[in-house]
Protein backbone atom coordinates (compact mmCIF):
# COMPACT_ATOMS: atom_id res chain seq x y z
CA MET A 1 0.00 0.00 0.00
CA LYS A 2 1.27 3.44 -0.94
CA LEU A 3 0.60 6.36 1.37
CA SER A 4 -0.86 8.44 -1.47
CA ASP A 5 -3.35 5.65 -2.21
CA ALA A 6 -4.39 5.41 1.44
CA LEU A 7 -4.85 9.18 1.68
CA THR A 8 -6.89 9.24 -1.53
CA ALA A 9 -9.13 6.46 -0.21
CA LEU A 10 -9.62 8.32 3.08
CA ALA A 11 -10.33 11.54 1.19
CA GLU A 12 -13.16 9.78 -0.63
CA ASN A 13 -14.42 8.02 2.49
CA PRO A 14 -13.14 9.00 5.97
CA ASN A 15 -14.44 5.67 7.28
CA HIS A 16 -12.49 3.63 4.74
CA PRO A 17 -10.98 0.68 6.64
CA VAL A 18 -7.21 0.97 6.89
CA ASP A 19 -4.54 -0.35 9.20
CA LEU A 20 -3.76 2.88 11.03
CA ALA A 21 -0.41 1.57 12.23
CA ARG A 22 0.64 0.87 8.64
CA VAL A 23 -0.54 4.32 7.51
CA ALA A 24 1.31 5.97 10.40
CA LEU A 25 4.51 4.15 9.45
CA LEU A 26 4.12 5.19 5.82
CA ILE A 27 3.81 8.79 7.03
CA ALA A 28 6.99 8.27 9.02
CA ARG A 29 8.81 6.99 5.94
CA ASP A 30 8.46 10.45 4.41
CA ALA A 31 10.87 11.60 7.12
CA TYR A 32 12.88 8.40 7.54
CA SER A 33 13.32 7.12 4.00
CA GLN A 34 15.39 4.07 4.99
CA MET A 35 12.89 2.93 7.60
CA SER A 36 11.07 -0.35 6.90
CA PRO A 37 7.38 -0.18 7.89
CA ARG A 38 7.24 -3.99 7.75
CA ALA A 39 9.95 -4.28 10.38
CA TYR A 40 8.04 -2.05 12.77
CA LEU A 41 4.77 -3.83 12.06
CA ARG A 42 6.51 -7.06 13.05
CA ARG A 43 7.53 -5.40 16.32
CA ILE A 44 3.89 -4.50 16.95
CA ASP A 45 2.90 -8.07 16.11
CA ARG A 46 5.41 -9.40 18.64
CA LEU A 47 4.03 -7.12 21.34
CA ALA A 48 0.51 -8.36 20.54
CA ALA A 49 1.60 -11.98 20.60
CA GLU A 50 3.12 -11.51 24.04
CA LEU A 51 -0.03 -9.82 25.32
CA ARG A 52 -2.62 -12.15 23.73
CA PRO A 53 -2.60 -15.02 26.26
CA ARG A 54 -2.96 -12.55 29.12
CA LEU A 55 -6.24 -11.06 27.87
CA THR A 56 -8.74 -12.96 30.00
CA GLY A 57 -11.69 -12.03 32.16
CA SER A 58 -13.94 -8.99 31.96
CA LEU A 59 -13.49 -6.06 29.58
CA THR A 60 -12.15 -4.02 32.48
CA ALA A 61 -9.64 -6.71 33.38
CA ARG A 62 -8.48 -7.12 29.78
CA THR A 63 -8.12 -3.36 29.32
CA ALA A 64 -6.16 -3.12 32.56
CA GLU A 65 -3.87 -5.88 31.30
CA LEU A 66 -3.26 -4.00 28.03
CA CYS A 67 -2.42 -0.81 29.92
CA SER A 68 -0.18 -2.58 32.40
CA PHE A 69 1.67 -4.35 29.59
CA LEU A 70 2.26 -1.23 27.49
CA PHE A 71 2.72 1.50 30.07
CA ASP A 72 4.14 -0.30 33.11
CA GLU A 73 6.06 -3.29 31.80
CA SER A 74 7.03 -2.04 28.33
CA GLY A 75 7.62 1.52 29.52
CA PHE A 76 5.72 3.53 26.93
CA ALA A 77 4.92 6.99 28.28
CA GLY A 78 3.85 10.49 27.36
CA ASN A 79 6.72 12.79 26.53
CA THR A 80 5.93 15.60 28.93
CA ALA A 81 9.48 16.99 28.89
CA HIS A 82 9.61 17.55 25.12
CA TYR A 83 5.98 17.46 24.04
CA TYR A 84 6.50 19.22 20.69
CA ASP A 85 9.44 17.12 19.53
CA PRO A 86 8.37 15.94 16.04
CA ARG A 87 9.63 12.44 16.84
CA ASN A 88 6.68 12.09 19.23
CA SER A 89 4.41 12.06 16.18
CA TYR A 90 6.19 9.27 14.33
CA LEU A 91 5.14 5.74 15.27
CA ASN A 92 8.56 4.25 14.48
CA LYS A 93 10.22 6.69 16.87
CA VAL A 94 7.59 6.00 19.53
CA LEU A 95 8.49 2.32 19.27
CA ASP A 96 12.21 3.13 19.38
CA ARG A 97 12.15 5.72 22.16
CA HIS A 98 9.07 4.58 24.15
CA VAL A 99 7.71 8.13 24.39
CA GLY A 100 5.12 9.91 22.31
CA LEU A 101 2.08 12.13 22.06
CA PRO A 102 -1.44 11.22 23.20
CA ILE A 103 -2.44 10.30 19.65
CA THR A 104 0.58 8.13 18.83
CA LEU A 105 0.39 6.30 22.16
CA SER A 106 -3.33 5.80 21.57
CA LEU A 107 -2.51 4.47 18.12
CA LEU A 108 -0.04 2.05 19.65
CA ALA A 109 -2.71 0.84 22.07
CA VAL A 110 -5.13 0.40 19.16
CA ALA A 111 -2.59 -1.50 17.07
CA VAL A 112 -1.37 -3.81 19.82
CA GLY A 113 -4.79 -4.28 21.42
CA ASN A 114 -6.59 -5.17 18.22
CA ARG A 115 -3.88 -7.56 17.10
CA ALA A 116 -4.07 -9.26 20.50
CA GLY A 117 -7.85 -9.70 20.28
CA LEU A 118 -9.15 -6.69 22.21
CA ASN A 119 -11.29 -4.20 20.29
CA VAL A 120 -9.60 -0.83 20.89
CA VAL A 121 -10.43 2.46 19.15
CA GLY A 122 -9.12 6.01 19.36
CA VAL A 123 -11.20 8.85 20.80
CA GLY A 124 -10.28 12.38 19.76
CA LEU A 125 -11.22 14.66 22.62
CA PRO A 126 -10.76 18.42 22.19
CA GLY A 127 -7.11 19.10 22.97
CA HIS A 128 -6.33 15.52 23.95
CA PHE A 129 -6.49 12.03 22.50
CA VAL A 130 -7.43 8.88 24.39
CA ALA A 131 -8.51 5.32 23.61
CA LYS A 132 -11.25 2.95 24.65
CA ALA A 133 -11.83 -0.78 24.63
CA VAL A 134 -15.27 -1.94 23.51
CA ASP A 135 -16.95 -5.33 23.67
CA ASP A 136 -19.77 -6.86 21.65
CA SER A 137 -22.40 -5.83 24.21
CA GLY A 138 -21.47 -2.17 23.91
CA ARG A 139 -19.60 -1.89 27.19
CA GLU A 140 -16.69 0.56 27.05
CA VAL A 141 -13.58 1.30 29.07
CA ILE A 142 -11.92 4.63 28.29
CA PHE A 143 -8.25 5.05 29.15
CA ASP A 144 -5.53 7.65 28.71
CA PRO A 145 -2.34 6.24 27.10
CA PHE A 146 -0.45 9.52 27.57
CA ASN A 147 -0.95 9.26 31.33
CA GLY A 148 -0.02 5.66 31.94
CA GLY A 149 -3.30 4.13 30.79
CA GLN A 150 -5.34 5.83 33.53
CA PHE A 151 -9.01 4.84 33.32
CA LEU A 152 -11.42 7.71 32.64
CA ASP A 153 -15.14 7.99 33.29
CA THR A 154 -17.22 10.75 31.69
CA ASP A 155 -16.53 13.18 34.54
CA ALA A 156 -12.80 12.59 34.19
CA CYS A 157 -12.97 13.14 30.42
CA GLU A 158 -14.72 16.45 30.98
CA ALA A 159 -12.14 17.47 33.58
CA VAL A 160 -9.22 16.57 31.30
CA VAL A 161 -10.58 18.61 28.40
CA SER A 162 -11.47 21.59 30.60
CA ALA A 163 -7.98 21.59 32.13
CA ILE A 164 -6.32 21.55 28.71
CA THR A 165 -8.59 23.87 26.74
CA GLY A 166 -10.02 26.09 29.46
CA ARG A 167 -13.49 25.43 28.09
CA GLN A 168 -16.39 23.35 29.33
CA PHE A 169 -16.88 20.03 27.61
CA GLU A 170 -19.82 17.63 27.79
CA ALA A 171 -18.79 14.00 27.44
CA THR A 172 -21.80 12.85 25.45
CA PRO A 173 -21.79 9.46 23.70
CA GLU A 174 -21.25 11.31 20.42
CA ALA A 175 -18.26 13.22 21.81
CA LEU A 176 -16.74 9.94 23.02
CA ALA A 177 -17.38 8.05 19.79
CA ALA A 178 -14.56 6.30 17.94
CA THR A 179 -12.56 8.63 15.74
CA PRO A 180 -12.92 7.64 12.06
CA PRO A 181 -9.69 6.66 10.30
CA GLY A 182 -9.67 9.79 8.14
CA ALA A 183 -9.97 12.08 11.15
CA PHE A 184 -7.33 10.05 12.99
CA VAL A 185 -4.82 10.53 10.17
CA LEU A 186 -5.78 14.20 9.79
CA ARG A 187 -5.01 14.84 13.43
CA MET A 188 -1.66 13.04 13.19
CA LEU A 189 -0.65 15.11 10.17
CA ASN A 190 -1.80 18.36 11.77
CA ASN A 191 0.26 17.58 14.87
CA LEU A 192 3.31 17.00 12.72
CA LYS A 193 2.83 20.19 10.74
CA THR A 194 2.40 22.20 13.93
CA ALA A 195 5.56 20.70 15.45
CA TYR A 196 7.66 21.49 12.39
CA ILE A 197 6.30 25.03 12.14
CA ALA A 198 7.12 25.62 15.80
CA ASP A 199 10.64 24.37 15.06
CA ARG A 200 10.81 26.65 11.99
CA SER A 201 11.46 23.58 9.86
CA HIS A 202 9.46 24.98 6.96
CA LEU A 203 10.49 22.47 4.30
CA ARG A 204 9.57 19.55 6.57
CA ALA A 205 6.29 21.26 7.43
CA ALA A 206 5.63 21.69 3.71
CA ARG A 207 6.21 17.98 3.17
CA VAL A 208 3.49 17.23 5.72
CA ALA A 209 1.24 19.94 4.27
CA ARG A 210 1.51 18.24 0.88
CA ARG A 211 0.13 15.07 2.44
CA LEU A 212 -2.70 17.12 3.93
CA THR A 213 -3.64 18.35 0.46
CA GLN A 214 -3.96 14.70 -0.56
CA LEU A 215 -6.20 13.94 2.40
CA LEU A 216 -8.27 17.13 1.99
CA PRO A 217 -8.05 17.84 -1.75
CA HIS A 218 -11.03 20.21 -1.78
CA ASP A 219 -9.87 22.35 1.16
CA PRO A 220 -8.29 25.56 -0.19
CA ASP A 221 -6.75 26.30 3.21
CA GLN A 222 -4.48 23.30 2.80
CA ARG A 223 -3.23 24.62 -0.54
CA ARG A 224 -2.67 28.05 1.03
CA ASP A 225 -0.68 26.58 3.90
CA LEU A 226 1.43 24.49 1.56
CA GLY A 227 2.16 27.51 -0.63
CA LEU A 228 3.10 29.73 2.30
CA LEU A 229 5.35 27.08 3.79
CA LEU A 230 7.10 26.56 0.46
CA VAL A 231 7.75 30.31 0.24
CA GLN A 232 9.20 30.27 3.75
CA ALA A 233 11.38 27.34 2.69
CA ASP A 234 12.66 29.35 -0.32
CA ARG A 235 10.78 27.15 -2.79
CA CYS A 236 8.90 29.99 -4.46
CA GLY A 237 8.53 28.25 -7.80
CA ALA A 238 6.81 25.29 -6.18
CA ALA A 239 4.58 27.62 -4.15
CA VAL A 240 3.05 29.66 -6.96
CA ASN A 241 0.34 27.27 -8.15
CA HIS A 242 -0.83 26.56 -4.61
CA LEU A 243 -1.14 30.25 -3.79
CA ARG A 244 -2.89 30.93 -7.09
CA HIS A 245 -5.33 28.11 -6.35
CA TYR A 246 -6.18 29.62 -2.97
CA VAL A 247 -6.86 33.19 -4.13
CA ALA A 248 -8.93 31.86 -7.05
CA ALA A 249 -10.94 29.50 -4.84
CA VAL A 250 -11.69 32.01 -2.06
CA PRO A 251 -11.02 35.49 -3.48
CA ASP A 252 -12.95 37.18 -0.66
CA ALA A 253 -11.25 35.39 2.22
CA ASP A 254 -10.04 37.67 5.00
CA ASP A 255 -6.43 36.76 4.33
CA ALA A 256 -6.68 36.82 0.53
CA PRO A 257 -5.02 40.28 0.20
CA GLU A 258 -2.02 39.12 2.23
CA VAL A 259 -1.78 35.86 0.29
CA ARG A 260 -1.84 37.86 -2.97
CA LYS A 261 1.11 39.89 -1.69
CA VAL A 262 3.03 36.72 -0.93
CA LEU A 263 2.11 35.36 -4.36
CA SER A 264 3.37 38.56 -6.01
CA ARG A 265 6.67 38.31 -4.16
CA ALA A 266 6.98 34.64 -5.12
CA LEU A 267 6.37 35.45 -8.78
CA SER A 268 8.99 38.21 -8.63
CA ASP A 269 11.47 35.80 -7.12
CA VAL A 270 10.79 33.20 -9.81
CA ALA A 271 11.17 35.85 -12.54
CA LYS A 272 14.73 36.56 -11.38
CA TRP A 273 15.73 33.05 -12.42
CA ASN A 274 14.06 33.11 -15.84
């Protein structure tokens, strides 16, 4: 499977079934070209094989076993010291370094849990990402991979979101629903782009933004962001068509005048080399 094919499929249908661990590793290969996704998938398989015989008893007991295995015994943890390190967003580096973001640790729990026979899904809360185990009767156990697999009830979910965002949050069943694959991948890519922008790594951010245009091909904001990042990375020639697309698609946008100025400067820069 090619990453571009997976992103195209998710663009057409955000619920398209994909192996999120495989997609995450294909995203990582953009940054680590020599990395073998298959090798890391085998590592996930080995973790699942070790866990599988221990998943017995109630849903709560099986979820507790998953959390104990990953976050106590295997040592995976939230990277609170260097939260915005881009490596936290790459599944291969999470497996190598045993630290990551809420979403990548949740993805690890999903990948290992499902391969071991426990139905685990990601839950994208505002400002935070968690996971939950679900059984055939509809029972659920929500847990927080970034914080050692701590179990969360609805009150705890509301408290977590309020503490992070400063806004009230109602943990309705809809708000705690499983995050569709397309939204899961979108959030991973947005995290990466944000991390690279904060690090002023504009060319790397542009690489991620290009993937976002594949996932959201009809969103002019993604083309704008890609164009602006390419300009900041001194790739004005590559930026022009993206900036032109944006001002043509949304000519009355609040930032359209500023984007036109950037486009004009990019065109002037390109003209110097022709």
